[in-house]
Amino acid sequence: MAGRSQKKTTSHPLEDFKVGVDNIIFSVDTTQNRLLVLLVMRQEEPFRDRWSLPGTLVRQGESLEEAAYRILSEKIRVNNLYLEQLYTFGGPHRDPRESPESYHVRYLSVSYFALVRFEEAELIADGVTGIAWYPLEQVPQLAFDHNQILKYGYQRLRNKLEYSPVAFEVLPELFTLGDLYQLYTTVLGEGFSDYSNFRARLLKLGFLCDTGKKTSRGAGRPASLYRFDAEAFAPFKDKPLVFV
């Protein structure tokens, strides 16, 4: 229309993306009260000989979840695990391979976090010179932005303990309240709740079933064994649990 100025638009080229999957694999060593994360040593550039989270680029015809399970199966053998998608990290320059020589390819990382039972997890070292469980507080400087990804995953794990039954994924089918309390203190820290309040609140909620069986450990009194009742927990799903 005559007399109306036209706003000039600037056209930006579209990014060309490569998509990777990085897994944060947590486990709780209840015998030594340690929260562990699985790390692998990179065998190629960039960051050769640097510890990193287990990861892979997504193959043609492969879904993100399939890639996450593939990298899990290549690094660890375990019968039971919890896995969920965490977050997508895609800021520019997060990967040294993003250079003019690479025609401005951007590398995205879709992260997943997993929780496995330490006692039954078997590490696979085939073709890998470095693979190890690291206590969370001893994790070194990792490749790429993996320290940031790990920090995000740890916060998600803490949050999951508040409103989901994820803790029971790493306990045996039958467990004592002391076992459960120890797991929570290992992940959340000693100050989250005292044992008496923790025990009273849990039993009041009613999703733990007393099996009538007891176990003896050391010189103390036999402790009652409980089983998690998923049906009884259903009303509490996605609601913060007060005991944490």
C-alpha atoms as a PDB file:
ATOM      1  CA  MET A   1       0.000   0.000   0.000  1.00  0.00           C
ATOM      2  CA  ALA A   2       1.318   3.445  -0.980  1.00  0.00           C
ATOM      3  CA  GLY A   3       2.765   5.475   1.873  1.00  0.00           C
ATOM      4  CA  ARG A   4       3.230   2.418   4.215  1.00  0.00           C
ATOM      5  CA  SER A   5       6.813   1.521   4.967  1.00  0.00           C
ATOM      6  CA  GLN A   6       7.874  -2.081   4.580  1.00  0.00           C
ATOM      7  CA  LYS A   7       9.834  -3.616   7.509  1.00  0.00           C
ATOM      8  CA  LYS A   8      12.887  -5.342   6.162  1.00  0.00           C
ATOM      9  CA  THR A   9      13.310  -8.915   7.378  1.00  0.00           C
ATOM     10  CA  THR A  10      16.645 -10.621   7.773  1.00  0.00           C
ATOM     11  CA  SER A  11      16.910 -14.219   6.675  1.00  0.00           C
ATOM     12  CA  HIS A  12      19.125 -16.516   8.782  1.00  0.00           C
ATOM     13  CA  PRO A  13      20.354 -19.847   7.484  1.00  0.00           C
ATOM     14  CA  LEU A  14      18.931 -22.934   9.144  1.00  0.00           C
ATOM     15  CA  GLU A  15      21.131 -25.024  11.399  1.00  0.00           C
ATOM     16  CA  ASP A  16      22.225 -28.511  10.408  1.00  0.00           C
ATOM     17  CA  PHE A  17      21.977 -30.778  13.457  1.00  0.00           C
ATOM     18  CA  LYS A  18      23.527 -34.048  14.581  1.00  0.00           C
ATOM     19  CA  VAL A  19      21.705 -35.640  17.508  1.00  0.00           C
ATOM     20  CA  GLY A  20      23.374 -37.608  20.271  1.00  0.00           C
ATOM     21  CA  VAL A  21      22.136 -39.333  23.383  1.00  0.00           C
ATOM     22  CA  ASP A  22      23.968 -39.137  26.717  1.00  0.00           C
ATOM     23  CA  ASN A  23      22.997 -41.354  29.649  1.00  0.00           C
ATOM     24  CA  ILE A  24      23.407 -40.549  33.322  1.00  0.00           C
ATOM     25  CA  ILE A  25      23.401 -43.988  34.956  1.00  0.00           C
ATOM     26  CA  PHE A  26      22.986 -43.689  38.724  1.00  0.00           C
ATOM     27  CA  SER A  27      23.241 -46.442  41.279  1.00  0.00           C
ATOM     28  CA  VAL A  28      23.147 -46.523  45.081  1.00  0.00           C
ATOM     29  CA  ASP A  29      25.737 -48.637  46.868  1.00  0.00           C
ATOM     30  CA  THR A  30      23.796 -49.210  50.080  1.00  0.00           C
ATOM     31  CA  THR A  31      26.628 -51.162  51.739  1.00  0.00           C
ATOM     32  CA  GLN A  32      28.891 -48.091  51.680  1.00  0.00           C
ATOM     33  CA  ASN A  33      26.191 -45.383  51.509  1.00  0.00           C
ATOM     34  CA  ARG A  34      27.427 -43.981  48.194  1.00  0.00           C
ATOM     35  CA  LEU A  35      25.556 -42.495  45.253  1.00  0.00           C
ATOM     36  CA  LEU A  36      27.433 -43.594  42.132  1.00  0.00           C
ATOM     37  CA  VAL A  37      27.408 -42.543  38.492  1.00  0.00           C
ATOM     38  CA  LEU A  38      28.825 -44.570  35.594  1.00  0.00           C
ATOM     39  CA  LEU A  39      31.609 -42.923  33.579  1.00  0.00           C
ATOM     40  CA  VAL A  40      33.530 -44.076  30.510  1.00  0.00           C
ATOM     41  CA  MET A  41      36.883 -42.992  29.114  1.00  0.00           C
ATOM     42  CA  ARG A  42      36.649 -41.479  25.636  1.00  0.00           C
ATOM     43  CA  GLN A  43      38.682 -43.363  23.039  1.00  0.00           C
ATOM     44  CA  GLU A  44      38.687 -40.690  20.321  1.00  0.00           C
ATOM     45  CA  GLU A  45      38.779 -36.961  19.781  1.00  0.00           C
ATOM     46  CA  PRO A  46      37.443 -34.632  20.885  1.00  0.00           C
ATOM     47  CA  PHE A  47      38.400 -35.080  24.561  1.00  0.00           C
ATOM     48  CA  ARG A  48      40.334 -38.288  23.996  1.00  0.00           C
ATOM     49  CA  ASP A  49      41.314 -39.956  27.318  1.00  0.00           C
ATOM     50  CA  ARG A  50      38.813 -37.790  29.235  1.00  0.00           C
ATOM     51  CA  TRP A  51      36.031 -39.260  31.371  1.00  0.00           C
ATOM     52  CA  SER A  52      32.507 -38.686  30.083  1.00  0.00           C
ATOM     53  CA  LEU A  53      28.944 -39.904  30.411  1.00  0.00           C
ATOM     54  CA  PRO A  54      28.137 -42.920  28.219  1.00  0.00           C
ATOM     55  CA  GLY A  55      26.827 -41.527  24.948  1.00  0.00           C
ATOM     56  CA  THR A  56      26.319 -42.134  21.255  1.00  0.00           C
ATOM     57  CA  LEU A  57      25.140 -40.430  18.094  1.00  0.00           C
ATOM     58  CA  VAL A  58      21.704 -41.569  16.958  1.00  0.00           C
ATOM     59  CA  ARG A  59      21.808 -43.938  13.998  1.00  0.00           C
ATOM     60  CA  GLN A  60      19.592 -43.773  10.918  1.00  0.00           C
ATOM     61  CA  GLY A  61      16.201 -45.317  11.583  1.00  0.00           C
ATOM     62  CA  GLU A  62      16.800 -45.361  15.347  1.00  0.00           C
ATOM     63  CA  SER A  63      14.593 -43.597  17.885  1.00  0.00           C
ATOM     64  CA  LEU A  64      16.069 -41.578  20.739  1.00  0.00           C
ATOM     65  CA  GLU A  65      14.899 -44.138  23.283  1.00  0.00           C
ATOM     66  CA  GLU A  66      16.356 -46.985  21.233  1.00  0.00           C
ATOM     67  CA  ALA A  67      19.709 -45.179  21.187  1.00  0.00           C
ATOM     68  CA  ALA A  68      19.530 -44.681  24.969  1.00  0.00           C
ATOM     69  CA  TYR A  69      18.826 -48.373  25.557  1.00  0.00           C
ATOM     70  CA  ARG A  70      21.539 -49.351  23.075  1.00  0.00           C
ATOM     71  CA  ILE A  71      24.228 -47.421  24.913  1.00  0.00           C
ATOM     72  CA  LEU A  72      22.976 -48.906  28.177  1.00  0.00           C
ATOM     73  CA  SER A  73      23.199 -52.442  26.802  1.00  0.00           C
ATOM     74  CA  GLU A  74      26.737 -51.800  25.524  1.00  0.00           C
ATOM     75  CA  LYS A  75      27.992 -50.638  28.928  1.00  0.00           C
ATOM     76  CA  ILE A  76      26.059 -52.543  31.585  1.00  0.00           C
ATOM     77  CA  ARG A  77      24.132 -55.766  32.135  1.00  0.00           C
ATOM     78  CA  VAL A  78      21.206 -55.396  34.504  1.00  0.00           C
ATOM     79  CA  ASN A  79      17.785 -57.008  34.800  1.00  0.00           C
ATOM     80  CA  ASN A  80      15.873 -54.092  36.294  1.00  0.00           C
ATOM     81  CA  LEU A  81      16.336 -50.401  35.659  1.00  0.00           C
ATOM     82  CA  TYR A  82      14.480 -47.109  35.595  1.00  0.00           C
ATOM     83  CA  LEU A  83      15.025 -44.873  32.546  1.00  0.00           C
ATOM     84  CA  GLU A  84      13.477 -41.561  31.557  1.00  0.00           C
ATOM     85  CA  GLN A  85      14.316 -38.688  29.236  1.00  0.00           C
ATOM     86  CA  LEU A  86      15.877 -35.781  31.070  1.00  0.00           C
ATOM     87  CA  TYR A  87      16.562 -32.708  28.937  1.00  0.00           C
ATOM     88  CA  THR A  88      17.949 -31.540  25.587  1.00  0.00           C
ATOM     89  CA  PHE A  89      21.227 -29.631  25.674  1.00  0.00           C
ATOM     90  CA  GLY A  90      21.762 -27.755  22.447  1.00  0.00           C
ATOM     91  CA  GLY A  91      23.532 -24.462  23.029  1.00  0.00           C
ATOM     92  CA  PRO A  92      25.927 -23.322  20.309  1.00  0.00           C
ATOM     93  CA  HIS A  93      29.598 -24.259  20.745  1.00  0.00           C
ATOM     94  CA  ARG A  94      28.914 -27.007  23.306  1.00  0.00           C
ATOM     95  CA  ASP A  95      30.889 -29.387  21.075  1.00  0.00           C
ATOM     96  CA  PRO A  96      34.383 -28.638  19.669  1.00  0.00           C
ATOM     97  CA  ARG A  97      33.370 -30.314  16.404  1.00  0.00           C
ATOM     98  CA  GLU A  98      31.211 -27.268  15.669  1.00  0.00           C
ATOM     99  CA  SER A  99      33.634 -25.377  13.463  1.00  0.00           C
ATOM    100  CA  PRO A 100      33.627 -23.626  10.071  1.00  0.00           C
ATOM    101  CA  GLU A 101      35.259 -26.729   8.622  1.00  0.00           C
ATOM    102  CA  SER A 102      32.239 -28.799   9.691  1.00  0.00           C
ATOM    103  CA  TYR A 103      29.872 -26.553   7.713  1.00  0.00           C
ATOM    104  CA  HIS A 104      28.356 -25.264  10.967  1.00  0.00           C
ATOM    105  CA  VAL A 105      26.941 -28.601  12.101  1.00  0.00           C
ATOM    106  CA  ARG A 106      25.398 -28.309  15.584  1.00  0.00           C
ATOM    107  CA  TYR A 107      25.537 -31.205  18.055  1.00  0.00           C
ATOM    108  CA  LEU A 108      22.494 -31.710  20.275  1.00  0.00           C
ATOM    109  CA  SER A 109      22.518 -33.974  23.308  1.00  0.00           C
ATOM    110  CA  VAL A 110      19.228 -35.546  24.390  1.00  0.00           C
ATOM    111  CA  SER A 111      20.012 -36.752  27.880  1.00  0.00           C
ATOM    112  CA  TYR A 112      18.441 -39.642  29.779  1.00  0.00           C
ATOM    113  CA  PHE A 113      18.887 -40.673  33.356  1.00  0.00           C
ATOM    114  CA  ALA A 114      18.754 -44.233  34.597  1.00  0.00           C
ATOM    115  CA  LEU A 115      18.713 -45.830  38.024  1.00  0.00           C
ATOM    116  CA  VAL A 116      19.966 -49.393  38.447  1.00  0.00           C
ATOM    117  CA  ARG A 117      20.564 -51.797  41.316  1.00  0.00           C
ATOM    118  CA  PHE A 118      24.242 -51.715  42.205  1.00  0.00           C
ATOM    119  CA  GLU A 119      24.338 -55.312  43.455  1.00  0.00           C
ATOM    120  CA  GLU A 120      23.097 -56.768  40.170  1.00  0.00           C
ATOM    121  CA  ALA A 121      24.755 -54.363  37.722  1.00  0.00           C
ATOM    122  CA  GLU A 122      27.597 -55.913  35.699  1.00  0.00           C
ATOM    123  CA  LEU A 123      29.858 -53.539  33.798  1.00  0.00           C
ATOM    124  CA  ILE A 124      30.825 -54.459  30.234  1.00  0.00           C
ATOM    125  CA  ALA A 125      34.443 -53.673  29.365  1.00  0.00           C
ATOM    126  CA  ASP A 126      34.484 -55.156  25.832  1.00  0.00           C
ATOM    127  CA  GLY A 127      36.411 -52.703  23.658  1.00  0.00           C
ATOM    128  CA  VAL A 128      36.482 -50.123  26.460  1.00  0.00           C
ATOM    129  CA  THR A 129      39.699 -49.453  28.383  1.00  0.00           C
ATOM    130  CA  GLY A 130      38.017 -47.248  30.958  1.00  0.00           C
ATOM    131  CA  ILE A 131      34.620 -47.760  32.558  1.00  0.00           C
ATOM    132  CA  ALA A 132      33.944 -47.214  36.248  1.00  0.00           C
ATOM    133  CA  TRP A 133      31.471 -46.251  38.937  1.00  0.00           C
ATOM    134  CA  TYR A 134      32.408 -42.882  40.450  1.00  0.00           C
ATOM    135  CA  PRO A 135      31.034 -41.531  43.749  1.00  0.00           C
ATOM    136  CA  LEU A 136      29.132 -38.398  42.819  1.00  0.00           C
ATOM    137  CA  GLU A 137      31.310 -36.124  44.965  1.00  0.00           C
ATOM    138  CA  GLN A 138      34.485 -37.461  43.296  1.00  0.00           C
ATOM    139  CA  VAL A 139      33.482 -36.949  39.652  1.00  0.00           C
ATOM    140  CA  PRO A 140      36.331 -35.203  37.750  1.00  0.00           C
ATOM    141  CA  GLN A 141      36.046 -32.579  35.019  1.00  0.00           C
ATOM    142  CA  LEU A 142      34.186 -34.390  32.238  1.00  0.00           C
ATOM    143  CA  ALA A 143      34.206 -34.031  28.463  1.00  0.00           C
ATOM    144  CA  PHE A 144      31.859 -31.601  26.692  1.00  0.00           C
ATOM    145  CA  ASP A 145      29.224 -30.137  29.041  1.00  0.00           C
ATOM    146  CA  HIS A 146      28.705 -33.442  30.839  1.00  0.00           C
ATOM    147  CA  ASN A 147      29.265 -31.964  34.315  1.00  0.00           C
ATOM    148  CA  GLN A 148      26.322 -29.657  33.647  1.00  0.00           C
ATOM    149  CA  ILE A 149      24.226 -32.568  32.372  1.00  0.00           C
ATOM    150  CA  LEU A 150      25.139 -34.623  35.449  1.00  0.00           C
ATOM    151  CA  LYS A 151      24.196 -31.770  37.781  1.00  0.00           C
ATOM    152  CA  TYR A 152      20.811 -31.493  36.083  1.00  0.00           C
ATOM    153  CA  GLY A 153      20.299 -35.255  36.329  1.00  0.00           C
ATOM    154  CA  TYR A 154      21.164 -35.347  40.034  1.00  0.00           C
ATOM    155  CA  GLN A 155      18.572 -32.656  40.750  1.00  0.00           C
ATOM    156  CA  ARG A 156      15.976 -34.650  38.802  1.00  0.00           C
ATOM    157  CA  LEU A 157      16.823 -37.769  40.826  1.00  0.00           C
ATOM    158  CA  ARG A 158      16.348 -35.864  44.090  1.00  0.00           C
ATOM    159  CA  ASN A 159      13.012 -34.535  42.867  1.00  0.00           C
ATOM    160  CA  LYS A 160      11.885 -38.005  41.751  1.00  0.00           C
ATOM    161  CA  LEU A 161      12.416 -39.343  45.258  1.00  0.00           C
ATOM    162  CA  GLU A 162       9.900 -36.798  46.533  1.00  0.00           C
ATOM    163  CA  TYR A 163       6.941 -37.777  44.393  1.00  0.00           C
ATOM    164  CA  SER A 164       7.564 -41.152  42.743  1.00  0.00           C
ATOM    165  CA  PRO A 165       8.344 -44.735  43.778  1.00  0.00           C
ATOM    166  CA  VAL A 166      11.708 -44.634  42.014  1.00  0.00           C
ATOM    167  CA  ALA A 167      13.486 -45.624  45.257  1.00  0.00           C
ATOM    168  CA  PHE A 168      11.889 -49.049  45.087  1.00  0.00           C
ATOM    169  CA  GLU A 169      13.516 -49.651  41.691  1.00  0.00           C
ATOM    170  CA  VAL A 170      16.876 -50.142  43.410  1.00  0.00           C
ATOM    171  CA  LEU A 171      15.728 -52.012  46.509  1.00  0.00           C
ATOM    172  CA  PRO A 172      15.144 -55.762  46.608  1.00  0.00           C
ATOM    173  CA  GLU A 173      11.527 -56.927  46.607  1.00  0.00           C
ATOM    174  CA  LEU A 174      11.631 -57.299  50.404  1.00  0.00           C
ATOM    175  CA  PHE A 175      13.386 -54.601  52.424  1.00  0.00           C
ATOM    176  CA  THR A 176      13.491 -53.073  55.881  1.00  0.00           C
ATOM    177  CA  LEU A 177      12.548 -49.491  56.692  1.00  0.00           C
ATOM    178  CA  GLY A 178      16.194 -49.015  57.619  1.00  0.00           C
ATOM    179  CA  ASP A 179      17.197 -50.038  54.084  1.00  0.00           C
ATOM    180  CA  LEU A 180      14.808 -47.476  52.618  1.00  0.00           C
ATOM    181  CA  TYR A 181      15.934 -44.730  55.003  1.00  0.00           C
ATOM    182  CA  GLN A 182      19.569 -45.420  54.152  1.00  0.00           C
ATOM    183  CA  LEU A 183      18.838 -45.051  50.442  1.00  0.00           C
ATOM    184  CA  TYR A 184      17.131 -41.685  50.989  1.00  0.00           C
ATOM    185  CA  THR A 185      19.930 -40.352  53.183  1.00  0.00           C
ATOM    186  CA  THR A 186      22.515 -41.467  50.622  1.00  0.00           C
ATOM    187  CA  VAL A 187      20.824 -39.457  47.853  1.00  0.00           C
ATOM    188  CA  LEU A 188      19.359 -36.527  49.803  1.00  0.00           C
ATOM    189  CA  GLY A 189      21.851 -36.179  52.649  1.00  0.00           C
ATOM    190  CA  GLU A 190      21.663 -36.921  56.348  1.00  0.00           C
ATOM    191  CA  GLY A 191      19.579 -33.878  57.253  1.00  0.00           C
ATOM    192  CA  PHE A 192      16.482 -34.522  55.150  1.00  0.00           C
ATOM    193  CA  SER A 193      14.505 -36.235  57.955  1.00  0.00           C
ATOM    194  CA  ASP A 194      15.161 -38.098  61.185  1.00  0.00           C
ATOM    195  CA  TYR A 195      14.432 -41.810  61.146  1.00  0.00           C
ATOM    196  CA  SER A 196      11.502 -41.715  63.612  1.00  0.00           C
ATOM    197  CA  ASN A 197       9.553 -39.150  61.559  1.00  0.00           C
ATOM    198  CA  PHE A 198      10.460 -40.936  58.327  1.00  0.00           C
ATOM    199  CA  ARG A 199       9.198 -44.272  59.674  1.00  0.00           C
ATOM    200  CA  ALA A 200       5.990 -42.851  61.162  1.00  0.00           C
ATOM    201  CA  ARG A 201       5.081 -40.935  58.009  1.00  0.00           C
ATOM    202  CA  LEU A 202       5.728 -43.869  55.691  1.00  0.00           C
ATOM    203  CA  LEU A 203       3.652 -46.319  57.690  1.00  0.00           C
ATOM    204  CA  LYS A 204       0.806 -43.792  57.899  1.00  0.00           C
ATOM    205  CA  LEU A 205       0.752 -43.365  54.101  1.00  0.00           C
ATOM    206  CA  GLY A 206      -0.045 -47.049  53.767  1.00  0.00           C
ATOM    207  CA  PHE A 207       1.755 -48.101  50.587  1.00  0.00           C
ATOM    208  CA  LEU A 208       4.222 -50.374  52.389  1.00  0.00           C
ATOM    209  CA  CYS A 209       2.997 -53.872  53.120  1.00  0.00           C
ATOM    210  CA  ASP A 210       4.374 -55.652  56.200  1.00  0.00           C
ATOM    211  CA  THR A 211       5.128 -59.193  55.052  1.00  0.00           C
ATOM    212  CA  GLY A 212       5.222 -60.610  58.567  1.00  0.00           C
ATOM    213  CA  LYS A 213       8.782 -61.754  57.950  1.00  0.00           C
ATOM    214  CA  LYS A 214      11.846 -60.515  59.792  1.00  0.00           C
ATOM    215  CA  THR A 215      15.560 -60.394  59.134  1.00  0.00           C
ATOM    216  CA  SER A 216      18.456 -60.425  61.575  1.00  0.00           C
ATOM    217  CA  ARG A 217      21.581 -58.333  60.972  1.00  0.00           C
ATOM    218  CA  GLY A 218      24.300 -58.233  63.558  1.00  0.00           C
ATOM    219  CA  ALA A 219      23.393 -58.083  67.247  1.00  0.00           C
ATOM    220  CA  GLY A 220      20.319 -55.868  66.872  1.00  0.00           C
ATOM    221  CA  ARG A 221      16.658 -56.828  67.073  1.00  0.00           C
ATOM    222  CA  PRO A 222      15.206 -58.567  63.998  1.00  0.00           C
ATOM    223  CA  ALA A 223      13.761 -55.991  61.576  1.00  0.00           C
ATOM    224  CA  SER A 224      10.439 -56.352  59.789  1.00  0.00           C
ATOM    225  CA  LEU A 225      10.509 -56.884  56.030  1.00  0.00           C
ATOM    226  CA  TYR A 226       8.200 -54.791  53.843  1.00  0.00           C
ATOM    227  CA  ARG A 227       7.053 -54.880  50.231  1.00  0.00           C
ATOM    228  CA  PHE A 228       6.100 -51.874  48.095  1.00  0.00           C
ATOM    229  CA  ASP A 229       2.392 -51.855  47.143  1.00  0.00           C
ATOM    230  CA  ALA A 230       2.116 -50.052  43.789  1.00  0.00           C
ATOM    231  CA  GLU A 231      -1.693 -50.033  43.850  1.00  0.00           C
ATOM    232  CA  ALA A 232      -1.788 -48.383  47.276  1.00  0.00           C
ATOM    233  CA  PHE A 233       0.737 -45.801  46.070  1.00  0.00           C
ATOM    234  CA  ALA A 234      -1.393 -44.758  43.059  1.00  0.00           C
ATOM    235  CA  PRO A 235      -3.280 -41.934  44.888  1.00  0.00           C
ATOM    236  CA  PHE A 236       0.063 -40.316  45.764  1.00  0.00           C
ATOM    237  CA  LYS A 237       1.414 -40.295  42.225  1.00  0.00           C
ATOM    238  CA  ASP A 238       2.833 -36.886  41.218  1.00  0.00           C
ATOM    239  CA  LYS A 239       2.203 -35.481  44.722  1.00  0.00           C
ATOM    240  CA  PRO A 240       5.134 -34.392  46.908  1.00  0.00           C
ATOM    241  CA  LEU A 241       5.615 -36.783  49.798  1.00  0.00           C
ATOM    242  CA  VAL A 242       5.762 -34.939  53.106  1.00  0.00           C
ATOM    243  CA  PHE A 243       8.366 -37.185  54.705  1.00  0.00           C
ATOM    244  CA  VAL A 244      11.093 -35.827  52.430  1.00  0.00           C
END
